[in-house]
Amino acid sequence: MVLSNEARGMVERCIDSMLLTIPPLVQYFRRDSNQKDLQYKEPNDVVFGYIWGAVSAAILPMLLPFSFQENTPVEETFEEVRRMLEVRSAEIRDNIANTA
């Protein structure tokens, strides 16, 4: 485990907060006009990718100082965040699928 418990908690809280953004994102990306204009086929996949990218973009800059202090390669920090997202992927997809 590369990340400290504090850093892992930050990642989990970030994922939890991004789960709250799913309903408006689903509404936006399921609109036919947006789908046509932005040229994508699966709105749920776009929302899933958006959540994944948003968590990565939000959390990695916060974790980099921890990586440097602990002399941990950035790649290892990214890999741990990725693994944490993978563990929560089913929950993220279920939230997306269950949004009306």
N, C-alpha and C. Protein backbone atom coordinates (compact mmCIF):
# COMPACT_ATOMS: atom_id res chain seq x y z
N MET A 1 0.85 -1.18 0.00
CA MET A 1 0.00 0.00 0.00
C MET A 1 0.89 1.24 0.00
N VAL A 2 0.78 2.03 -1.04
CA VAL A 2 1.61 3.21 -1.21
C VAL A 2 1.04 4.39 -0.43
N LEU A 3 -0.27 4.55 -0.46
CA LEU A 3 -0.90 5.70 0.17
C LEU A 3 -1.10 5.48 1.66
N SER A 4 -0.99 6.56 2.40
CA SER A 4 -1.29 6.51 3.82
C SER A 4 -2.80 6.36 4.01
N ASN A 5 -3.19 6.04 5.21
CA ASN A 5 -4.63 5.95 5.50
C ASN A 5 -5.31 7.29 5.27
N GLU A 6 -4.62 8.38 5.60
CA GLU A 6 -5.17 9.71 5.38
C GLU A 6 -5.40 9.97 3.89
N ALA A 7 -4.42 9.63 3.08
CA ALA A 7 -4.54 9.83 1.63
C ALA A 7 -5.63 8.93 1.05
N ARG A 8 -5.70 7.69 1.51
CA ARG A 8 -6.75 6.78 1.03
C ARG A 8 -8.12 7.33 1.40
N GLY A 9 -8.23 7.90 2.58
CA GLY A 9 -9.49 8.53 2.99
C GLY A 9 -9.86 9.69 2.09
N MET A 10 -8.86 10.47 1.66
CA MET A 10 -9.11 11.57 0.73
C MET A 10 -9.68 11.05 -0.58
N VAL A 11 -9.10 9.95 -1.07
CA VAL A 11 -9.57 9.37 -2.33
C VAL A 11 -11.01 8.88 -2.16
N GLU A 12 -11.30 8.19 -1.09
CA GLU A 12 -12.66 7.67 -0.85
C GLU A 12 -13.66 8.82 -0.74
N ARG A 13 -13.30 9.88 -0.04
CA ARG A 13 -14.21 11.04 0.09
C ARG A 13 -14.43 11.71 -1.26
N CYS A 14 -13.39 11.76 -2.08
CA CYS A 14 -13.52 12.35 -3.42
C CYS A 14 -14.49 11.52 -4.26
N ILE A 15 -14.34 10.21 -4.21
CA ILE A 15 -15.25 9.33 -4.96
C ILE A 15 -16.67 9.52 -4.45
N ASP A 16 -16.84 9.54 -3.13
CA ASP A 16 -18.18 9.74 -2.55
C ASP A 16 -18.80 11.05 -3.02
N SER A 17 -18.02 12.12 -3.06
CA SER A 17 -18.57 13.41 -3.49
C SER A 17 -18.92 13.38 -4.98
N MET A 18 -18.13 12.68 -5.78
CA MET A 18 -18.44 12.60 -7.21
C MET A 18 -19.69 11.77 -7.47
N LEU A 19 -19.99 10.82 -6.59
CA LEU A 19 -21.24 10.06 -6.74
C LEU A 19 -22.45 10.98 -6.69
N LEU A 20 -22.35 12.07 -5.95
CA LEU A 20 -23.45 13.02 -5.84
C LEU A 20 -23.69 13.79 -7.14
N THR A 21 -22.70 13.82 -8.01
CA THR A 21 -22.86 14.55 -9.28
C THR A 21 -23.48 13.70 -10.37
N ILE A 22 -23.69 12.43 -10.09
CA ILE A 22 -24.19 11.52 -11.14
C ILE A 22 -25.55 11.94 -11.69
N PRO A 23 -26.57 12.25 -10.87
CA PRO A 23 -27.87 12.59 -11.47
C PRO A 23 -27.84 13.72 -12.49
N PRO A 24 -27.21 14.87 -12.19
CA PRO A 24 -27.19 15.91 -13.24
C PRO A 24 -26.37 15.53 -14.46
N LEU A 25 -25.31 14.78 -14.25
CA LEU A 25 -24.50 14.33 -15.39
C LEU A 25 -25.29 13.38 -16.29
N VAL A 26 -26.01 12.46 -15.66
CA VAL A 26 -26.82 11.52 -16.44
C VAL A 26 -27.88 12.28 -17.23
N GLN A 27 -28.56 13.23 -16.59
CA GLN A 27 -29.57 14.01 -17.30
C GLN A 27 -28.95 14.72 -18.50
N TYR A 28 -27.80 15.32 -18.31
CA TYR A 28 -27.15 16.06 -19.38
C TYR A 28 -26.76 15.14 -20.54
N PHE A 29 -26.06 14.06 -20.22
CA PHE A 29 -25.52 13.21 -21.28
C PHE A 29 -26.56 12.29 -21.92
N ARG A 30 -27.72 12.14 -21.30
CA ARG A 30 -28.78 11.34 -21.93
C ARG A 30 -29.65 12.16 -22.88
N ARG A 31 -29.48 13.46 -22.90
CA ARG A 31 -30.25 14.29 -23.84
C ARG A 31 -29.83 13.95 -25.27
N ASP A 32 -30.83 13.70 -26.09
CA ASP A 32 -30.55 13.35 -27.49
C ASP A 32 -29.74 14.43 -28.20
N SER A 33 -30.07 15.70 -27.94
CA SER A 33 -29.36 16.79 -28.62
C SER A 33 -27.89 16.81 -28.24
N ASN A 34 -27.58 16.57 -26.97
CA ASN A 34 -26.18 16.54 -26.55
C ASN A 34 -25.46 15.33 -27.14
N GLN A 35 -26.16 14.21 -27.18
CA GLN A 35 -25.57 13.00 -27.74
C GLN A 35 -25.24 13.21 -29.22
N LYS A 36 -26.15 13.86 -29.91
CA LYS A 36 -25.92 14.12 -31.34
C LYS A 36 -24.80 15.13 -31.53
N ASP A 37 -24.82 16.22 -30.77
CA ASP A 37 -23.81 17.26 -30.93
C ASP A 37 -22.41 16.78 -30.54
N LEU A 38 -22.32 16.00 -29.47
CA LEU A 38 -21.03 15.55 -28.97
C LEU A 38 -20.59 14.21 -29.56
N GLN A 39 -21.48 13.57 -30.29
CA GLN A 39 -21.21 12.36 -31.05
C GLN A 39 -20.68 11.20 -30.19
N TYR A 40 -21.50 10.76 -29.27
CA TYR A 40 -21.19 9.56 -28.49
C TYR A 40 -22.39 8.64 -28.54
N LYS A 41 -22.16 7.36 -28.27
CA LYS A 41 -23.23 6.37 -28.37
C LYS A 41 -23.84 6.00 -27.03
N GLU A 42 -23.02 5.83 -26.02
CA GLU A 42 -23.50 5.34 -24.73
C GLU A 42 -23.36 6.41 -23.65
N PRO A 43 -24.46 7.09 -23.31
CA PRO A 43 -24.39 8.15 -22.29
C PRO A 43 -23.86 7.65 -20.95
N ASN A 44 -24.24 6.45 -20.55
CA ASN A 44 -23.79 5.94 -19.26
C ASN A 44 -22.27 5.75 -19.23
N ASP A 45 -21.70 5.34 -20.36
CA ASP A 45 -20.25 5.18 -20.43
C ASP A 45 -19.55 6.54 -20.36
N VAL A 46 -20.16 7.54 -20.95
CA VAL A 46 -19.58 8.89 -20.89
C VAL A 46 -19.59 9.37 -19.44
N VAL A 47 -20.68 9.17 -18.73
CA VAL A 47 -20.76 9.59 -17.32
C VAL A 47 -19.74 8.82 -16.50
N PHE A 48 -19.62 7.51 -16.72
CA PHE A 48 -18.64 6.72 -16.00
C PHE A 48 -17.22 7.26 -16.23
N GLY A 49 -16.89 7.53 -17.47
CA GLY A 49 -15.57 8.08 -17.79
C GLY A 49 -15.36 9.45 -17.20
N TYR A 50 -16.42 10.24 -17.18
CA TYR A 50 -16.34 11.57 -16.59
C TYR A 50 -16.02 11.47 -15.10
N ILE A 51 -16.72 10.58 -14.40
CA ILE A 51 -16.49 10.40 -12.96
C ILE A 51 -15.06 9.93 -12.73
N TRP A 52 -14.62 8.93 -13.48
CA TRP A 52 -13.26 8.40 -13.34
C TRP A 52 -12.23 9.51 -13.55
N GLY A 53 -12.41 10.28 -14.62
CA GLY A 53 -11.47 11.36 -14.93
C GLY A 53 -11.51 12.48 -13.90
N ALA A 54 -12.72 12.81 -13.43
CA ALA A 54 -12.85 13.89 -12.45
C ALA A 54 -12.18 13.52 -11.13
N VAL A 55 -12.35 12.28 -10.71
CA VAL A 55 -11.69 11.85 -9.47
C VAL A 55 -10.18 11.90 -9.65
N SER A 56 -9.70 11.37 -10.75
CA SER A 56 -8.25 11.37 -11.00
C SER A 56 -7.70 12.79 -11.06
N ALA A 57 -8.40 13.66 -11.77
CA ALA A 57 -7.93 15.04 -11.93
C ALA A 57 -7.98 15.81 -10.61
N ALA A 58 -8.96 15.51 -9.78
CA ALA A 58 -9.09 16.22 -8.51
C ALA A 58 -8.12 15.71 -7.46
N ILE A 59 -7.93 14.40 -7.41
CA ILE A 59 -7.19 13.82 -6.29
C ILE A 59 -5.69 13.75 -6.54
N LEU A 60 -5.27 13.47 -7.75
CA LEU A 60 -3.83 13.28 -7.99
C LEU A 60 -2.99 14.52 -7.64
N PRO A 61 -3.41 15.73 -8.01
CA PRO A 61 -2.60 16.90 -7.60
C PRO A 61 -2.50 17.05 -6.08
N MET A 62 -3.53 16.63 -5.36
CA MET A 62 -3.47 16.71 -3.90
C MET A 62 -2.52 15.66 -3.32
N LEU A 63 -2.40 14.52 -4.00
CA LEU A 63 -1.57 13.43 -3.49
C LEU A 63 -0.10 13.55 -3.87
N LEU A 64 0.21 14.31 -4.88
CA LEU A 64 1.60 14.40 -5.32
C LEU A 64 2.54 14.88 -4.21
N PRO A 65 2.15 15.88 -3.41
CA PRO A 65 3.06 16.25 -2.31
C PRO A 65 3.34 15.08 -1.36
N PHE A 66 2.33 14.24 -1.09
CA PHE A 66 2.55 13.06 -0.26
C PHE A 66 3.56 12.13 -0.92
N SER A 67 3.43 11.97 -2.23
CA SER A 67 4.34 11.08 -2.96
C SER A 67 5.78 11.57 -2.85
N PHE A 68 5.96 12.87 -3.01
CA PHE A 68 7.31 13.42 -2.95
C PHE A 68 7.89 13.30 -1.54
N GLN A 69 7.06 13.54 -0.52
CA GLN A 69 7.53 13.42 0.87
C GLN A 69 7.94 11.99 1.20
N GLU A 70 7.20 11.03 0.66
CA GLU A 70 7.46 9.62 0.95
C GLU A 70 8.42 8.98 -0.06
N ASN A 71 8.92 9.80 -1.01
CA ASN A 71 9.79 9.29 -2.08
C ASN A 71 9.13 8.14 -2.84
N THR A 72 7.84 8.29 -3.09
CA THR A 72 7.07 7.29 -3.83
C THR A 72 6.95 7.75 -5.28
N PRO A 73 7.23 6.88 -6.23
CA PRO A 73 7.05 7.27 -7.63
C PRO A 73 5.59 7.65 -7.92
N VAL A 74 5.43 8.68 -8.71
CA VAL A 74 4.09 9.16 -9.06
C VAL A 74 3.26 8.04 -9.68
N GLU A 75 3.91 7.19 -10.46
CA GLU A 75 3.20 6.09 -11.11
C GLU A 75 2.56 5.16 -10.08
N GLU A 76 3.24 4.93 -8.98
CA GLU A 76 2.68 4.06 -7.94
C GLU A 76 1.47 4.71 -7.26
N THR A 77 1.55 6.01 -7.06
CA THR A 77 0.41 6.73 -6.49
C THR A 77 -0.78 6.64 -7.43
N PHE A 78 -0.54 6.88 -8.72
CA PHE A 78 -1.62 6.78 -9.70
C PHE A 78 -2.21 5.38 -9.73
N GLU A 79 -1.35 4.37 -9.68
CA GLU A 79 -1.84 2.99 -9.72
C GLU A 79 -2.73 2.68 -8.52
N GLU A 80 -2.39 3.18 -7.35
CA GLU A 80 -3.23 2.92 -6.19
C GLU A 80 -4.58 3.62 -6.31
N VAL A 81 -4.58 4.84 -6.80
CA VAL A 81 -5.85 5.55 -7.03
C VAL A 81 -6.67 4.79 -8.05
N ARG A 82 -6.03 4.32 -9.11
CA ARG A 82 -6.74 3.55 -10.14
C ARG A 82 -7.36 2.30 -9.54
N ARG A 83 -6.60 1.59 -8.70
CA ARG A 83 -7.14 0.38 -8.07
C ARG A 83 -8.33 0.70 -7.18
N MET A 84 -8.26 1.81 -6.47
CA MET A 84 -9.37 2.21 -5.61
C MET A 84 -10.61 2.52 -6.45
N LEU A 85 -10.41 3.17 -7.59
CA LEU A 85 -11.53 3.44 -8.49
C LEU A 85 -12.10 2.14 -9.05
N GLU A 86 -11.23 1.20 -9.38
CA GLU A 86 -11.71 -0.08 -9.90
C GLU A 86 -12.57 -0.80 -8.87
N VAL A 87 -12.17 -0.75 -7.61
CA VAL A 87 -12.95 -1.39 -6.55
C VAL A 87 -14.34 -0.76 -6.45
N ARG A 88 -14.43 0.53 -6.69
CA ARG A 88 -15.71 1.24 -6.57
C ARG A 88 -16.46 1.32 -7.90
N SER A 89 -15.89 0.77 -8.98
CA SER A 89 -16.50 0.89 -10.31
C SER A 89 -17.91 0.34 -10.37
N ALA A 90 -18.16 -0.81 -9.76
CA ALA A 90 -19.51 -1.40 -9.79
C ALA A 90 -20.50 -0.46 -9.12
N GLU A 91 -20.11 0.14 -8.02
CA GLU A 91 -20.98 1.09 -7.32
C GLU A 91 -21.26 2.32 -8.19
N ILE A 92 -20.24 2.82 -8.86
CA ILE A 92 -20.41 3.97 -9.74
C ILE A 92 -21.37 3.61 -10.88
N ARG A 93 -21.15 2.47 -11.52
CA ARG A 93 -22.02 2.05 -12.62
C ARG A 93 -23.45 1.82 -12.15
N ASP A 94 -23.63 1.21 -10.96
CA ASP A 94 -24.98 1.01 -10.43
C ASP A 94 -25.68 2.34 -10.19
N ASN A 95 -24.96 3.31 -9.66
CA ASN A 95 -25.55 4.63 -9.43
C ASN A 95 -25.98 5.26 -10.75
N ILE A 96 -25.17 5.12 -11.76
CA ILE A 96 -25.51 5.67 -13.08
C ILE A 96 -26.74 4.96 -13.64
N ALA A 97 -26.74 3.64 -13.61
CA ALA A 97 -27.83 2.86 -14.19
C ALA A 97 -29.14 3.10 -13.45
N ASN A 98 -29.08 3.35 -12.17
CA ASN A 98 -30.29 3.54 -11.37
C ASN A 98 -30.80 4.97 -11.34
N THR A 99 -30.13 5.87 -12.05
CA THR A 99 -30.59 7.25 -12.13
C THR A 99 -31.63 7.36 -13.23
N ALA A 100 -32.78 7.87 -12.85
CA ALA A 100 -33.90 7.96 -13.80
C ALA A 100 -33.71 9.13 -14.74
